[in-house]
Amino acid sequence: MTTSLRIRYGALAATAALIAGGLFAAVPANAAQEGTLTVTPDVISGDATGWGDGFTVTGSGFTPDSTLDLDLEGPDSASLETFPVTVDGTGAFSAEIDPTVAFPALLPRETLTIAVTDSSDGDSANPVTITQLAPTGIRTSVSTISTEDLAAGTPIDVNACGYVPGEPITTTVDYSGQTFDISESSHVADEAGCIAISIALQAGTAVAGEIVVHVAGATLTQDATVTVTGSPTEVPGGDPGTPPAVGTGSATGAVTPYLPVVSG
């Protein structure tokens, strides 16, 4: 009976040793971790001249109770400022970053980056980009157009900025006593907070007056006015007396994007 117990105990001890050995081999105690960073906000206003309230950086998946450096990098990947943080016992952290370095002169779509550049345990993480938005404003390719050019289908390019990237934009045009909705499902603000569209007279008679373009997002509406000069001119192939019809045209590329120039 005693011998039988000893054999059983020995078998269990050997099995336990194998399991423990497998566990320690699979997860070394000092293995570097691949963490995840989140930065809020991840865009900078195009009208910004400073850092504002800074950034909130949160992280998870790092080695518990470790330390690491967060590096704020410029568009050329050069380090602007470094911020040390301490990871808690769960492998997470939350840090408020308030840069003291001079605010860089960024162009629209240029980015800053916050990345982990040093860790006491060799941890790494995804770098997070912070995008510079374009300054708020609306601009048209022309301020005046003749009825002859308008009737010939010459487009008017419109560029408006200051919206939230990805937000739907509604565009309407007032002309000759009528309002035309030229919004499309594809009219959303790009990553710089801008939308570029082109409008043209598609039918009817071009008459002197004003073309007023309204570009509206959820919280921002901007207007631009183009003056129409000249005698009434019919669109070729149209019926005399047909009311004007305004729609989207083919962009000419005449608008210089992202300039904070307000027309109208």
C-alpha atoms as a PDB file:
ATOM      1  CA  MET A   1       0.000   0.000   0.000  1.00  0.00           C
ATOM      2  CA  THR A   2       2.795   2.356   0.877  1.00  0.00           C
ATOM      3  CA  THR A   3       4.635   1.615  -2.360  1.00  0.00           C
ATOM      4  CA  SER A   4       1.525   2.290  -4.414  1.00  0.00           C
ATOM      5  CA  LEU A   5       1.084   5.691  -2.812  1.00  0.00           C
ATOM      6  CA  ARG A   6       4.671   6.607  -3.477  1.00  0.00           C
ATOM      7  CA  ILE A   7       4.364   5.723  -7.179  1.00  0.00           C
ATOM      8  CA  ARG A   8       1.185   7.760  -7.558  1.00  0.00           C
ATOM      9  CA  TYR A   9       2.737  10.783  -5.865  1.00  0.00           C
ATOM     10  CA  GLY A  10       5.806  10.546  -8.035  1.00  0.00           C
ATOM     11  CA  ALA A  11       3.707  10.487 -11.218  1.00  0.00           C
ATOM     12  CA  LEU A  12       1.699  13.515 -10.144  1.00  0.00           C
ATOM     13  CA  ALA A  13       4.793  15.439  -9.219  1.00  0.00           C
ATOM     14  CA  ALA A  14       6.377  14.724 -12.594  1.00  0.00           C
ATOM     15  CA  THR A  15       3.211  15.826 -14.432  1.00  0.00           C
ATOM     16  CA  ALA A  16       3.061  19.031 -12.416  1.00  0.00           C
ATOM     17  CA  ALA A  17       6.686  19.733 -13.229  1.00  0.00           C
ATOM     18  CA  LEU A  18       6.032  19.284 -16.951  1.00  0.00           C
ATOM     19  CA  ILE A  19       3.037  21.633 -16.874  1.00  0.00           C
ATOM     20  CA  ALA A  20       4.902  24.262 -14.912  1.00  0.00           C
ATOM     21  CA  GLY A  21       7.874  23.978 -17.230  1.00  0.00           C
ATOM     22  CA  GLY A  22       5.627  24.418 -20.264  1.00  0.00           C
ATOM     23  CA  LEU A  23       4.011  27.506 -18.796  1.00  0.00           C
ATOM     24  CA  PHE A  24       7.297  29.179 -17.951  1.00  0.00           C
ATOM     25  CA  ALA A  25       8.714  28.378 -21.384  1.00  0.00           C
ATOM     26  CA  ALA A  26       5.670  29.859 -23.173  1.00  0.00           C
ATOM     27  CA  VAL A  27       5.597  33.178 -21.278  1.00  0.00           C
ATOM     28  CA  PRO A  28       9.015  34.382 -20.143  1.00  0.00           C
ATOM     29  CA  ALA A  29       8.758  36.708 -17.165  1.00  0.00           C
ATOM     30  CA  ASN A  30      10.690  39.502 -18.906  1.00  0.00           C
ATOM     31  CA  ALA A  31       9.093  39.341 -22.385  1.00  0.00           C
ATOM     32  CA  ALA A  32       8.672  42.755 -24.037  1.00  0.00           C
ATOM     33  CA  GLN A  33       5.062  43.760 -24.677  1.00  0.00           C
ATOM     34  CA  GLU A  34       3.364  45.391 -27.677  1.00  0.00           C
ATOM     35  CA  GLY A  35       1.135  48.047 -26.156  1.00  0.00           C
ATOM     36  CA  THR A  36      -1.577  50.224 -27.660  1.00  0.00           C
ATOM     37  CA  LEU A  37      -1.670  54.040 -27.582  1.00  0.00           C
ATOM     38  CA  THR A  38      -4.661  56.347 -27.979  1.00  0.00           C
ATOM     39  CA  VAL A  39      -4.315  60.139 -28.284  1.00  0.00           C
ATOM     40  CA  THR A  40      -7.070  62.725 -27.814  1.00  0.00           C
ATOM     41  CA  PRO A  41      -7.457  64.978 -29.733  1.00  0.00           C
ATOM     42  CA  ASP A  42      -5.808  63.536 -32.835  1.00  0.00           C
ATOM     43  CA  VAL A  43      -6.392  66.651 -34.954  1.00  0.00           C
ATOM     44  CA  ILE A  44      -5.210  70.253 -34.549  1.00  0.00           C
ATOM     45  CA  SER A  45      -7.370  73.161 -35.638  1.00  0.00           C
ATOM     46  CA  GLY A  46      -6.165  74.970 -38.718  1.00  0.00           C
ATOM     47  CA  ASP A  47      -6.589  78.218 -36.794  1.00  0.00           C
ATOM     48  CA  ALA A  48      -4.453  77.062 -33.871  1.00  0.00           C
ATOM     49  CA  THR A  49      -1.416  79.112 -32.878  1.00  0.00           C
ATOM     50  CA  GLY A  50      -0.512  77.058 -29.807  1.00  0.00           C
ATOM     51  CA  TRP A  51      -0.947  73.695 -28.127  1.00  0.00           C
ATOM     52  CA  GLY A  52      -4.240  74.599 -26.462  1.00  0.00           C
ATOM     53  CA  ASP A  53      -5.099  72.113 -23.717  1.00  0.00           C
ATOM     54  CA  GLY A  54      -2.481  69.627 -24.901  1.00  0.00           C
ATOM     55  CA  PHE A  55      -3.204  65.925 -25.364  1.00  0.00           C
ATOM     56  CA  THR A  56      -4.515  63.018 -23.322  1.00  0.00           C
ATOM     57  CA  VAL A  57      -2.540  59.849 -24.017  1.00  0.00           C
ATOM     58  CA  THR A  58      -3.777  56.483 -22.758  1.00  0.00           C
ATOM     59  CA  GLY A  59      -2.029  53.165 -23.110  1.00  0.00           C
ATOM     60  CA  SER A  60      -2.684  49.514 -22.383  1.00  0.00           C
ATOM     61  CA  GLY A  61      -0.944  46.181 -22.860  1.00  0.00           C
ATOM     62  CA  PHE A  62       2.427  47.272 -21.467  1.00  0.00           C
ATOM     63  CA  THR A  63       4.603  45.523 -18.887  1.00  0.00           C
ATOM     64  CA  PRO A  64       3.054  46.190 -15.452  1.00  0.00           C
ATOM     65  CA  ASP A  65       4.905  48.665 -13.193  1.00  0.00           C
ATOM     66  CA  SER A  66       7.327  49.670 -15.962  1.00  0.00           C
ATOM     67  CA  THR A  67       8.362  53.101 -17.211  1.00  0.00           C
ATOM     68  CA  LEU A  68       8.476  54.430 -20.750  1.00  0.00           C
ATOM     69  CA  ASP A  69       9.015  57.637 -22.721  1.00  0.00           C
ATOM     70  CA  LEU A  70       6.436  59.226 -24.990  1.00  0.00           C
ATOM     71  CA  ASP A  71       8.049  61.248 -27.746  1.00  0.00           C
ATOM     72  CA  LEU A  72       6.292  64.131 -29.540  1.00  0.00           C
ATOM     73  CA  GLU A  73       7.745  64.225 -33.057  1.00  0.00           C
ATOM     74  CA  GLY A  74       7.459  66.827 -35.817  1.00  0.00           C
ATOM     75  CA  PRO A  75       6.595  66.285 -39.510  1.00  0.00           C
ATOM     76  CA  ASP A  76      10.227  65.351 -40.203  1.00  0.00           C
ATOM     77  CA  SER A  77      10.161  62.751 -37.380  1.00  0.00           C
ATOM     78  CA  ALA A  78      12.518  64.906 -35.316  1.00  0.00           C
ATOM     79  CA  SER A  79      11.869  64.826 -31.572  1.00  0.00           C
ATOM     80  CA  LEU A  80      10.180  67.966 -30.234  1.00  0.00           C
ATOM     81  CA  GLU A  81       9.715  66.949 -26.598  1.00  0.00           C
ATOM     82  CA  THR A  82       9.780  63.782 -24.466  1.00  0.00           C
ATOM     83  CA  PHE A  83       7.413  62.862 -21.637  1.00  0.00           C
ATOM     84  CA  PRO A  84       8.203  60.030 -19.148  1.00  0.00           C
ATOM     85  CA  VAL A  85       5.237  58.012 -17.862  1.00  0.00           C
ATOM     86  CA  THR A  86       4.789  55.191 -15.354  1.00  0.00           C
ATOM     87  CA  VAL A  87       2.724  52.126 -16.209  1.00  0.00           C
ATOM     88  CA  ASP A  88       0.452  50.796 -13.441  1.00  0.00           C
ATOM     89  CA  GLY A  89       0.105  47.253 -12.176  1.00  0.00           C
ATOM     90  CA  THR A  90      -2.389  46.349 -14.906  1.00  0.00           C
ATOM     91  CA  GLY A  91      -0.101  47.432 -17.751  1.00  0.00           C
ATOM     92  CA  ALA A  92      -2.022  50.656 -18.445  1.00  0.00           C
ATOM     93  CA  PHE A  93      -1.504  54.393 -18.038  1.00  0.00           C
ATOM     94  CA  SER A  94      -3.207  57.728 -18.695  1.00  0.00           C
ATOM     95  CA  ALA A  95      -1.114  60.864 -19.092  1.00  0.00           C
ATOM     96  CA  GLU A  96      -1.873  64.519 -19.762  1.00  0.00           C
ATOM     97  CA  ILE A  97       0.723  65.956 -22.143  1.00  0.00           C
ATOM     98  CA  ASP A  98       1.138  69.733 -22.180  1.00  0.00           C
ATOM     99  CA  PRO A  99       3.994  70.579 -24.558  1.00  0.00           C
ATOM    100  CA  THR A 100       6.216  73.525 -23.684  1.00  0.00           C
ATOM    101  CA  VAL A 101       8.148  73.493 -26.956  1.00  0.00           C
ATOM    102  CA  ALA A 102       7.252  76.175 -29.535  1.00  0.00           C
ATOM    103  CA  PHE A 103       4.225  75.284 -31.672  1.00  0.00           C
ATOM    104  CA  PRO A 104       5.541  74.258 -35.122  1.00  0.00           C
ATOM    105  CA  ALA A 105       4.459  75.951 -38.341  1.00  0.00           C
ATOM    106  CA  LEU A 106       2.449  73.163 -39.947  1.00  0.00           C
ATOM    107  CA  LEU A 107       0.809  73.024 -43.345  1.00  0.00           C
ATOM    108  CA  PRO A 108      -2.589  71.391 -43.802  1.00  0.00           C
ATOM    109  CA  ARG A 109      -2.323  67.587 -43.789  1.00  0.00           C
ATOM    110  CA  GLU A 110       1.101  67.700 -42.137  1.00  0.00           C
ATOM    111  CA  THR A 111       1.231  65.523 -39.065  1.00  0.00           C
ATOM    112  CA  LEU A 112       2.805  65.259 -35.651  1.00  0.00           C
ATOM    113  CA  THR A 113       3.419  61.883 -34.027  1.00  0.00           C
ATOM    114  CA  ILE A 114       3.346  60.593 -30.463  1.00  0.00           C
ATOM    115  CA  ALA A 115       5.310  57.369 -30.067  1.00  0.00           C
ATOM    116  CA  VAL A 116       6.986  55.190 -27.445  1.00  0.00           C
ATOM    117  CA  THR A 117      10.741  55.710 -27.897  1.00  0.00           C
ATOM    118  CA  ASP A 118      12.160  54.093 -24.760  1.00  0.00           C
ATOM    119  CA  SER A 119      10.902  51.526 -22.259  1.00  0.00           C
ATOM    120  CA  SER A 120      12.458  50.003 -19.160  1.00  0.00           C
ATOM    121  CA  ASP A 121      11.276  46.582 -20.384  1.00  0.00           C
ATOM    122  CA  GLY A 122      11.734  47.005 -24.123  1.00  0.00           C
ATOM    123  CA  ASP A 123       8.018  47.517 -24.781  1.00  0.00           C
ATOM    124  CA  SER A 124       6.819  49.130 -28.013  1.00  0.00           C
ATOM    125  CA  ALA A 125       3.521  50.522 -29.313  1.00  0.00           C
ATOM    126  CA  ASN A 126       1.739  51.902 -32.332  1.00  0.00           C
ATOM    127  CA  PRO A 127       2.719  55.519 -33.148  1.00  0.00           C
ATOM    128  CA  VAL A 128      -0.288  57.869 -33.288  1.00  0.00           C
ATOM    129  CA  THR A 129      -0.464  60.677 -35.851  1.00  0.00           C
ATOM    130  CA  ILE A 130      -2.011  64.069 -35.123  1.00  0.00           C
ATOM    131  CA  THR A 131      -3.196  65.847 -38.272  1.00  0.00           C
ATOM    132  CA  GLN A 132      -3.171  69.592 -38.905  1.00  0.00           C
ATOM    133  CA  LEU A 133      -6.514  70.769 -40.254  1.00  0.00           C
ATOM    134  CA  ALA A 134      -6.846  73.554 -42.813  1.00  0.00           C
ATOM    135  CA  PRO A 135      -7.828  77.062 -41.681  1.00  0.00           C
ATOM    136  CA  THR A 136     -11.522  77.878 -41.729  1.00  0.00           C
ATOM    137  CA  GLY A 137     -12.598  79.704 -44.877  1.00  0.00           C
ATOM    138  CA  ILE A 138     -14.276  79.445 -48.275  1.00  0.00           C
ATOM    139  CA  ARG A 139     -12.817  80.388 -51.642  1.00  0.00           C
ATOM    140  CA  THR A 140     -14.047  80.412 -55.238  1.00  0.00           C
ATOM    141  CA  SER A 141     -11.977  80.197 -58.396  1.00  0.00           C
ATOM    142  CA  VAL A 142     -13.512  83.467 -59.670  1.00  0.00           C
ATOM    143  CA  SER A 143     -15.276  86.389 -58.032  1.00  0.00           C
ATOM    144  CA  THR A 144     -16.959  87.492 -61.285  1.00  0.00           C
ATOM    145  CA  ILE A 145     -18.137  85.544 -64.338  1.00  0.00           C
ATOM    146  CA  SER A 146     -19.852  86.655 -67.545  1.00  0.00           C
ATOM    147  CA  THR A 147     -23.188  85.296 -68.685  1.00  0.00           C
ATOM    148  CA  GLU A 148     -21.449  84.158 -71.869  1.00  0.00           C
ATOM    149  CA  ASP A 149     -18.926  82.032 -69.946  1.00  0.00           C
ATOM    150  CA  LEU A 150     -21.583  80.749 -67.576  1.00  0.00           C
ATOM    151  CA  ALA A 151     -23.836  79.680 -70.467  1.00  0.00           C
ATOM    152  CA  ALA A 152     -20.865  77.982 -72.119  1.00  0.00           C
ATOM    153  CA  GLY A 153     -20.526  75.687 -69.097  1.00  0.00           C
ATOM    154  CA  THR A 154     -17.468  77.293 -67.517  1.00  0.00           C
ATOM    155  CA  PRO A 155     -17.349  75.808 -63.999  1.00  0.00           C
ATOM    156  CA  ILE A 156     -16.907  77.707 -60.762  1.00  0.00           C
ATOM    157  CA  ASP A 157     -14.677  75.819 -58.334  1.00  0.00           C
ATOM    158  CA  VAL A 158     -15.412  76.107 -54.628  1.00  0.00           C
ATOM    159  CA  ASN A 159     -13.091  75.112 -51.804  1.00  0.00           C
ATOM    160  CA  ALA A 160     -14.329  75.305 -48.201  1.00  0.00           C
ATOM    161  CA  CYS A 161     -12.439  74.302 -45.040  1.00  0.00           C
ATOM    162  CA  GLY A 162     -12.975  74.255 -41.303  1.00  0.00           C
ATOM    163  CA  TYR A 163     -15.202  71.179 -41.033  1.00  0.00           C
ATOM    164  CA  VAL A 164     -14.736  67.964 -39.071  1.00  0.00           C
ATOM    165  CA  PRO A 165     -12.927  65.336 -41.166  1.00  0.00           C
ATOM    166  CA  GLY A 166     -15.431  62.792 -42.478  1.00  0.00           C
ATOM    167  CA  GLU A 167     -18.568  64.814 -41.732  1.00  0.00           C
ATOM    168  CA  PRO A 168     -21.275  65.034 -44.433  1.00  0.00           C
ATOM    169  CA  ILE A 169     -21.521  68.410 -46.179  1.00  0.00           C
ATOM    170  CA  THR A 170     -24.649  69.970 -47.700  1.00  0.00           C
ATOM    171  CA  THR A 171     -24.151  72.373 -50.609  1.00  0.00           C
ATOM    172  CA  THR A 172     -26.855  74.609 -52.042  1.00  0.00           C
ATOM    173  CA  VAL A 173     -26.706  77.359 -54.683  1.00  0.00           C
ATOM    174  CA  ASP A 174     -28.974  80.404 -54.954  1.00  0.00           C
ATOM    175  CA  TYR A 175     -29.250  81.866 -58.465  1.00  0.00           C
ATOM    176  CA  SER A 176     -31.886  83.766 -60.401  1.00  0.00           C
ATOM    177  CA  GLY A 177     -34.541  83.371 -57.716  1.00  0.00           C
ATOM    178  CA  GLN A 178     -34.054  79.615 -57.340  1.00  0.00           C
ATOM    179  CA  THR A 179     -32.239  77.354 -54.878  1.00  0.00           C
ATOM    180  CA  PHE A 180     -30.429  74.260 -56.155  1.00  0.00           C
ATOM    181  CA  ASP A 181     -29.301  71.420 -53.886  1.00  0.00           C
ATOM    182  CA  ILE A 182     -26.129  69.982 -55.369  1.00  0.00           C
ATOM    183  CA  SER A 183     -25.227  67.780 -52.402  1.00  0.00           C
ATOM    184  CA  GLU A 184     -24.092  64.261 -53.124  1.00  0.00           C
ATOM    185  CA  SER A 185     -23.396  61.275 -50.898  1.00  0.00           C
ATOM    186  CA  SER A 186     -19.702  61.724 -51.676  1.00  0.00           C
ATOM    187  CA  HIS A 187     -19.667  65.259 -50.265  1.00  0.00           C
ATOM    188  CA  VAL A 188     -17.772  64.697 -47.025  1.00  0.00           C
ATOM    189  CA  ALA A 189     -14.941  66.703 -45.518  1.00  0.00           C
ATOM    190  CA  ASP A 190     -11.509  65.229 -46.212  1.00  0.00           C
ATOM    191  CA  GLU A 191      -8.751  64.574 -43.656  1.00  0.00           C
ATOM    192  CA  ALA A 192      -7.866  68.280 -43.606  1.00  0.00           C
ATOM    193  CA  GLY A 193     -11.507  69.281 -42.950  1.00  0.00           C
ATOM    194  CA  CYS A 194     -12.082  70.550 -46.497  1.00  0.00           C
ATOM    195  CA  ILE A 195     -14.415  69.972 -49.424  1.00  0.00           C
ATOM    196  CA  ALA A 196     -13.732  70.866 -53.059  1.00  0.00           C
ATOM    197  CA  ILE A 197     -16.620  71.010 -55.530  1.00  0.00           C
ATOM    198  CA  SER A 198     -17.368  72.556 -58.893  1.00  0.00           C
ATOM    199  CA  ILE A 199     -20.640  74.091 -60.078  1.00  0.00           C
ATOM    200  CA  ALA A 200     -21.841  74.955 -63.572  1.00  0.00           C
ATOM    201  CA  LEU A 201     -24.951  76.125 -65.409  1.00  0.00           C
ATOM    202  CA  GLN A 202     -26.416  73.061 -67.102  1.00  0.00           C
ATOM    203  CA  ALA A 203     -29.549  74.456 -68.756  1.00  0.00           C
ATOM    204  CA  GLY A 204     -31.616  77.580 -69.212  1.00  0.00           C
ATOM    205  CA  THR A 205     -30.501  81.173 -69.591  1.00  0.00           C
ATOM    206  CA  ALA A 206     -27.590  82.832 -67.831  1.00  0.00           C
ATOM    207  CA  VAL A 207     -28.635  86.196 -66.420  1.00  0.00           C
ATOM    208  CA  ALA A 208     -26.823  88.952 -64.566  1.00  0.00           C
ATOM    209  CA  GLY A 209     -26.986  88.814 -60.793  1.00  0.00           C
ATOM    210  CA  GLU A 210     -25.323  86.800 -58.056  1.00  0.00           C
ATOM    211  CA  ILE A 211     -24.564  83.140 -57.526  1.00  0.00           C
ATOM    212  CA  VAL A 212     -24.451  82.431 -53.784  1.00  0.00           C
ATOM    213  CA  VAL A 213     -22.978  79.115 -52.650  1.00  0.00           C
ATOM    214  CA  HIS A 214     -23.812  77.797 -49.159  1.00  0.00           C
ATOM    215  CA  VAL A 215     -21.589  75.036 -47.746  1.00  0.00           C
ATOM    216  CA  ALA A 216     -22.918  73.612 -44.472  1.00  0.00           C
ATOM    217  CA  GLY A 217     -21.642  71.041 -42.003  1.00  0.00           C
ATOM    218  CA  ALA A 218     -23.085  70.106 -38.630  1.00  0.00           C
ATOM    219  CA  THR A 219     -21.948  73.293 -36.875  1.00  0.00           C
ATOM    220  CA  LEU A 220     -20.377  75.461 -39.592  1.00  0.00           C
ATOM    221  CA  THR A 221     -22.017  77.140 -42.604  1.00  0.00           C
ATOM    222  CA  GLN A 222     -20.034  79.300 -45.018  1.00  0.00           C
ATOM    223  CA  ASP A 223     -21.203  81.344 -47.987  1.00  0.00           C
ATOM    224  CA  ALA A 224     -19.438  82.558 -51.109  1.00  0.00           C
ATOM    225  CA  THR A 225     -20.786  84.975 -53.719  1.00  0.00           C
ATOM    226  CA  VAL A 226     -19.877  85.179 -57.405  1.00  0.00           C
ATOM    227  CA  THR A 227     -21.141  88.137 -59.425  1.00  0.00           C
ATOM    228  CA  VAL A 228     -22.597  87.401 -62.879  1.00  0.00           C
ATOM    229  CA  THR A 229     -22.348  90.201 -65.464  1.00  0.00           C
ATOM    230  CA  GLY A 230     -23.617  90.603 -69.038  1.00  0.00           C
ATOM    231  CA  SER A 231     -26.723  90.184 -71.147  1.00  0.00           C
ATOM    232  CA  PRO A 232     -29.020  87.140 -70.912  1.00  0.00           C
ATOM    233  CA  THR A 233     -27.364  84.227 -72.724  1.00  0.00           C
ATOM    234  CA  GLU A 234     -28.945  80.837 -73.353  1.00  0.00           C
ATOM    235  CA  VAL A 235     -27.145  77.580 -72.785  1.00  0.00           C
ATOM    236  CA  PRO A 236     -26.452  76.116 -76.265  1.00  0.00           C
ATOM    237  CA  GLY A 237     -29.126  73.636 -77.298  1.00  0.00           C
ATOM    238  CA  GLY A 238     -31.611  74.789 -74.692  1.00  0.00           C
ATOM    239  CA  ASP A 239     -35.138  76.095 -75.105  1.00  0.00           C
ATOM    240  CA  PRO A 240     -35.616  79.864 -74.931  1.00  0.00           C
ATOM    241  CA  GLY A 241     -37.038  80.981 -71.602  1.00  0.00           C
ATOM    242  CA  THR A 242     -36.076  77.809 -69.728  1.00  0.00           C
ATOM    243  CA  PRO A 243     -35.214  78.637 -66.087  1.00  0.00           C
ATOM    244  CA  PRO A 244     -31.547  78.224 -65.181  1.00  0.00           C
ATOM    245  CA  ALA A 245     -30.465  74.855 -63.794  1.00  0.00           C
ATOM    246  CA  VAL A 246     -27.283  74.677 -61.744  1.00  0.00           C
ATOM    247  CA  GLY A 247     -25.453  71.427 -61.035  1.00  0.00           C
ATOM    248  CA  THR A 248     -22.008  70.043 -60.448  1.00  0.00           C
ATOM    249  CA  GLY A 249     -19.453  70.625 -63.157  1.00  0.00           C
ATOM    250  CA  SER A 250     -15.943  69.415 -63.920  1.00  0.00           C
ATOM    251  CA  ALA A 251     -13.310  70.877 -61.609  1.00  0.00           C
ATOM    252  CA  THR A 252     -10.727  72.993 -63.406  1.00  0.00           C
ATOM    253  CA  GLY A 253      -8.170  72.914 -60.626  1.00  0.00           C
ATOM    254  CA  ALA A 254      -8.130  76.722 -60.528  1.00  0.00           C
ATOM    255  CA  VAL A 255      -8.676  76.869 -56.765  1.00  0.00           C
ATOM    256  CA  THR A 256      -5.591  76.912 -54.569  1.00  0.00           C
ATOM    257  CA  PRO A 257      -6.605  74.570 -51.742  1.00  0.00           C
ATOM    258  CA  TYR A 258      -6.694  75.447 -48.075  1.00  0.00           C
ATOM    259  CA  LEU A 259      -6.232  79.214 -48.231  1.00  0.00           C
ATOM    260  CA  PRO A 260      -8.231  80.968 -45.497  1.00  0.00           C
ATOM    261  CA  VAL A 261      -9.709  83.503 -47.906  1.00  0.00           C
ATOM    262  CA  VAL A 262     -13.402  84.243 -47.500  1.00  0.00           C
ATOM    263  CA  SER A 263     -15.352  85.265 -50.586  1.00  0.00           C
ATOM    264  CA  GLY A 264     -18.824  86.726 -50.316  1.00  0.00           C
END
